[in-house]
Amino acid sequence: MATYRGQGSDSFIIGSAPPNVSWTLVRGDTAAFRVYVTDAERTPLTISEWTIKMDIKRPSDNNNLVFTLNPAQTVDDDNGEFTVSITSSESEQLETSDIFDIQLSTAQDDIVWTVAQGRLIVLEDVTD
């Protein structure tokens, strides 16, 4: 049995939710955004030491996977940054309210970290 030895409340909040992102894009367009990650001391992570994975799922279909992305650091990204991008053909498959999360993991999966989660807002394209 665990016993709290301090004074005051016996109820505590531990941990924190990952940032919640609303990603708005136009169906059929290419789209991208940059993610910045640091360690507990606010030092930028060395992105090459991590595997990055992003799943996009459709909650209306029992959270069926739409597709998986593998975001990566680009030449335009600085330390601790990587870019999430999709092609025009990938954005054609997306629907408003699709959900996603972005997960970083070390080579042996001894650390797995969800750095962001969110929902998509997909605008219909007007121009053919």
Protein backbone atom coordinates (compact mmCIF):
# COMPACT_ATOMS: atom_id res chain seq x y z
CA MET A 1 0.00 0.00 0.00
CA ALA A 2 1.28 3.47 -0.87
CA THR A 3 1.11 6.19 1.74
CA TYR A 4 1.50 9.91 1.10
CA ARG A 5 3.87 11.42 3.65
CA GLY A 6 3.31 15.09 2.88
CA GLN A 7 0.66 17.41 4.15
CA GLY A 8 -2.45 18.53 2.37
CA SER A 9 -4.42 16.82 -0.33
CA ASP A 10 -4.59 13.08 -0.84
CA SER A 11 -5.50 13.53 -4.52
CA PHE A 12 -2.86 14.14 -7.19
CA ILE A 13 -2.63 14.70 -10.94
CA ILE A 14 0.35 12.97 -12.53
CA GLY A 15 1.48 13.28 -16.14
CA SER A 16 0.11 15.47 -18.87
CA ALA A 17 -1.81 15.06 -22.09
CA PRO A 18 0.09 15.52 -25.35
CA PRO A 19 -0.62 18.73 -27.24
CA ASN A 20 -3.91 18.56 -29.14
CA VAL A 21 -3.60 19.67 -32.78
CA SER A 22 -6.37 20.61 -35.21
CA TRP A 23 -4.84 20.14 -38.66
CA THR A 24 -6.80 21.93 -41.39
CA LEU A 25 -6.03 21.08 -45.01
CA VAL A 26 -7.69 21.14 -48.42
CA ARG A 27 -8.60 17.80 -49.98
CA GLY A 28 -6.19 16.97 -52.80
CA ASP A 29 -3.49 19.41 -51.66
CA THR A 30 -0.06 18.66 -50.31
CA ALA A 31 0.23 19.72 -46.68
CA ALA A 32 2.87 19.84 -43.96
CA PHE A 33 3.62 21.11 -40.48
CA ARG A 34 6.71 21.12 -38.27
CA VAL A 35 6.97 19.54 -34.82
CA TYR A 36 9.52 20.66 -32.21
CA VAL A 37 10.47 18.32 -29.37
CA THR A 38 12.74 18.71 -26.34
CA ASP A 39 13.73 16.66 -23.34
CA ALA A 40 12.78 17.50 -19.74
CA GLU A 41 15.55 20.13 -19.59
CA ARG A 42 14.18 21.75 -22.78
CA THR A 43 17.17 20.63 -24.83
CA PRO A 44 16.21 19.78 -28.44
CA LEU A 45 16.14 16.03 -29.08
CA THR A 46 18.53 14.46 -31.56
CA ILE A 47 15.89 13.34 -34.04
CA SER A 48 18.13 10.72 -35.68
CA GLU A 49 18.04 8.75 -32.40
CA TRP A 50 14.25 8.29 -32.62
CA THR A 51 11.79 6.48 -34.85
CA ILE A 52 8.78 8.66 -35.72
CA LYS A 53 5.39 7.21 -36.64
CA MET A 54 2.03 8.86 -37.25
CA ASP A 55 -1.20 6.87 -37.62
CA ILE A 56 -4.33 8.45 -39.05
CA LYS A 57 -7.54 6.61 -38.17
CA ARG A 58 -11.22 6.99 -38.93
CA PRO A 59 -13.29 6.95 -35.73
CA SER A 60 -16.53 6.43 -37.69
CA ASP A 61 -15.13 3.05 -38.85
CA ASN A 62 -14.16 1.65 -35.43
CA ASN A 63 -10.85 3.51 -35.55
CA ASN A 64 -9.77 1.74 -38.74
CA LEU A 65 -6.39 2.84 -40.00
CA VAL A 66 -6.53 5.21 -42.99
CA PHE A 67 -2.73 5.16 -43.40
CA THR A 68 0.56 5.53 -41.55
CA LEU A 69 3.12 8.27 -42.09
CA ASN A 70 6.76 8.25 -41.09
CA PRO A 71 7.61 11.91 -40.50
CA ALA A 72 11.29 12.79 -40.75
CA GLN A 73 13.76 15.58 -40.22
CA THR A 74 14.27 17.59 -43.43
CA VAL A 75 17.14 19.86 -44.48
CA ASP A 76 14.99 22.82 -43.37
CA ASP A 77 14.50 21.43 -39.84
CA ASP A 78 16.76 22.45 -36.97
CA ASN A 79 17.76 20.39 -33.92
CA GLY A 80 14.70 18.93 -32.25
CA GLU A 81 12.47 19.48 -35.29
CA PHE A 82 10.87 17.18 -37.85
CA THR A 83 8.24 17.70 -40.54
CA VAL A 84 4.95 15.90 -40.99
CA SER A 85 3.88 15.99 -44.64
CA ILE A 86 1.32 14.34 -46.87
CA THR A 87 0.97 14.10 -50.62
CA SER A 88 -2.03 15.25 -52.61
CA SER A 89 -3.13 11.63 -53.18
CA GLU A 90 -2.93 10.96 -49.42
CA SER A 91 -5.02 14.05 -48.58
CA GLU A 92 -7.69 12.78 -51.02
CA GLN A 93 -8.29 9.86 -48.63
CA LEU A 94 -8.86 11.98 -45.52
CA GLU A 95 -12.11 13.09 -43.92
CA THR A 96 -12.98 15.71 -41.33
CA SER A 97 -12.84 14.16 -37.83
CA ASP A 98 -10.15 11.62 -38.74
CA ILE A 99 -7.83 11.37 -35.74
CA PHE A 100 -4.07 11.02 -35.48
CA ASP A 101 -1.20 10.82 -33.09
CA ILE A 102 2.55 11.18 -33.52
CA GLN A 103 4.74 8.79 -31.61
CA LEU A 104 8.49 8.79 -31.05
CA SER A 105 10.31 5.67 -29.91
CA THR A 106 13.89 4.60 -29.32
CA ALA A 107 15.46 1.72 -31.23
CA GLN A 108 14.64 -0.87 -28.55
CA ASP A 109 11.25 0.71 -27.72
CA ASP A 110 12.50 1.28 -24.17
CA ILE A 111 11.04 4.79 -24.49
CA VAL A 112 7.77 5.37 -26.36
CA TRP A 113 6.36 8.90 -26.31
CA THR A 114 3.22 10.34 -27.90
CA VAL A 115 4.28 13.92 -28.68
CA ALA A 116 1.00 15.11 -30.24
CA GLN A 117 -2.51 13.99 -31.06
CA GLY A 118 -5.35 15.61 -32.89
CA ARG A 119 -8.14 15.76 -35.44
CA LEU A 120 -8.26 16.67 -39.10
CA ILE A 121 -10.43 19.33 -40.66
CA VAL A 122 -10.65 18.64 -44.39
CA LEU A 123 -11.93 21.40 -46.64
CA GLU A 124 -13.33 20.51 -50.04
CA ASP A 125 -11.28 21.62 -53.05
CA VAL A 126 -12.98 24.05 -55.46
CA THR A 127 -10.51 24.07 -58.36
CA ASP A 128 -10.19 20.91 -60.50
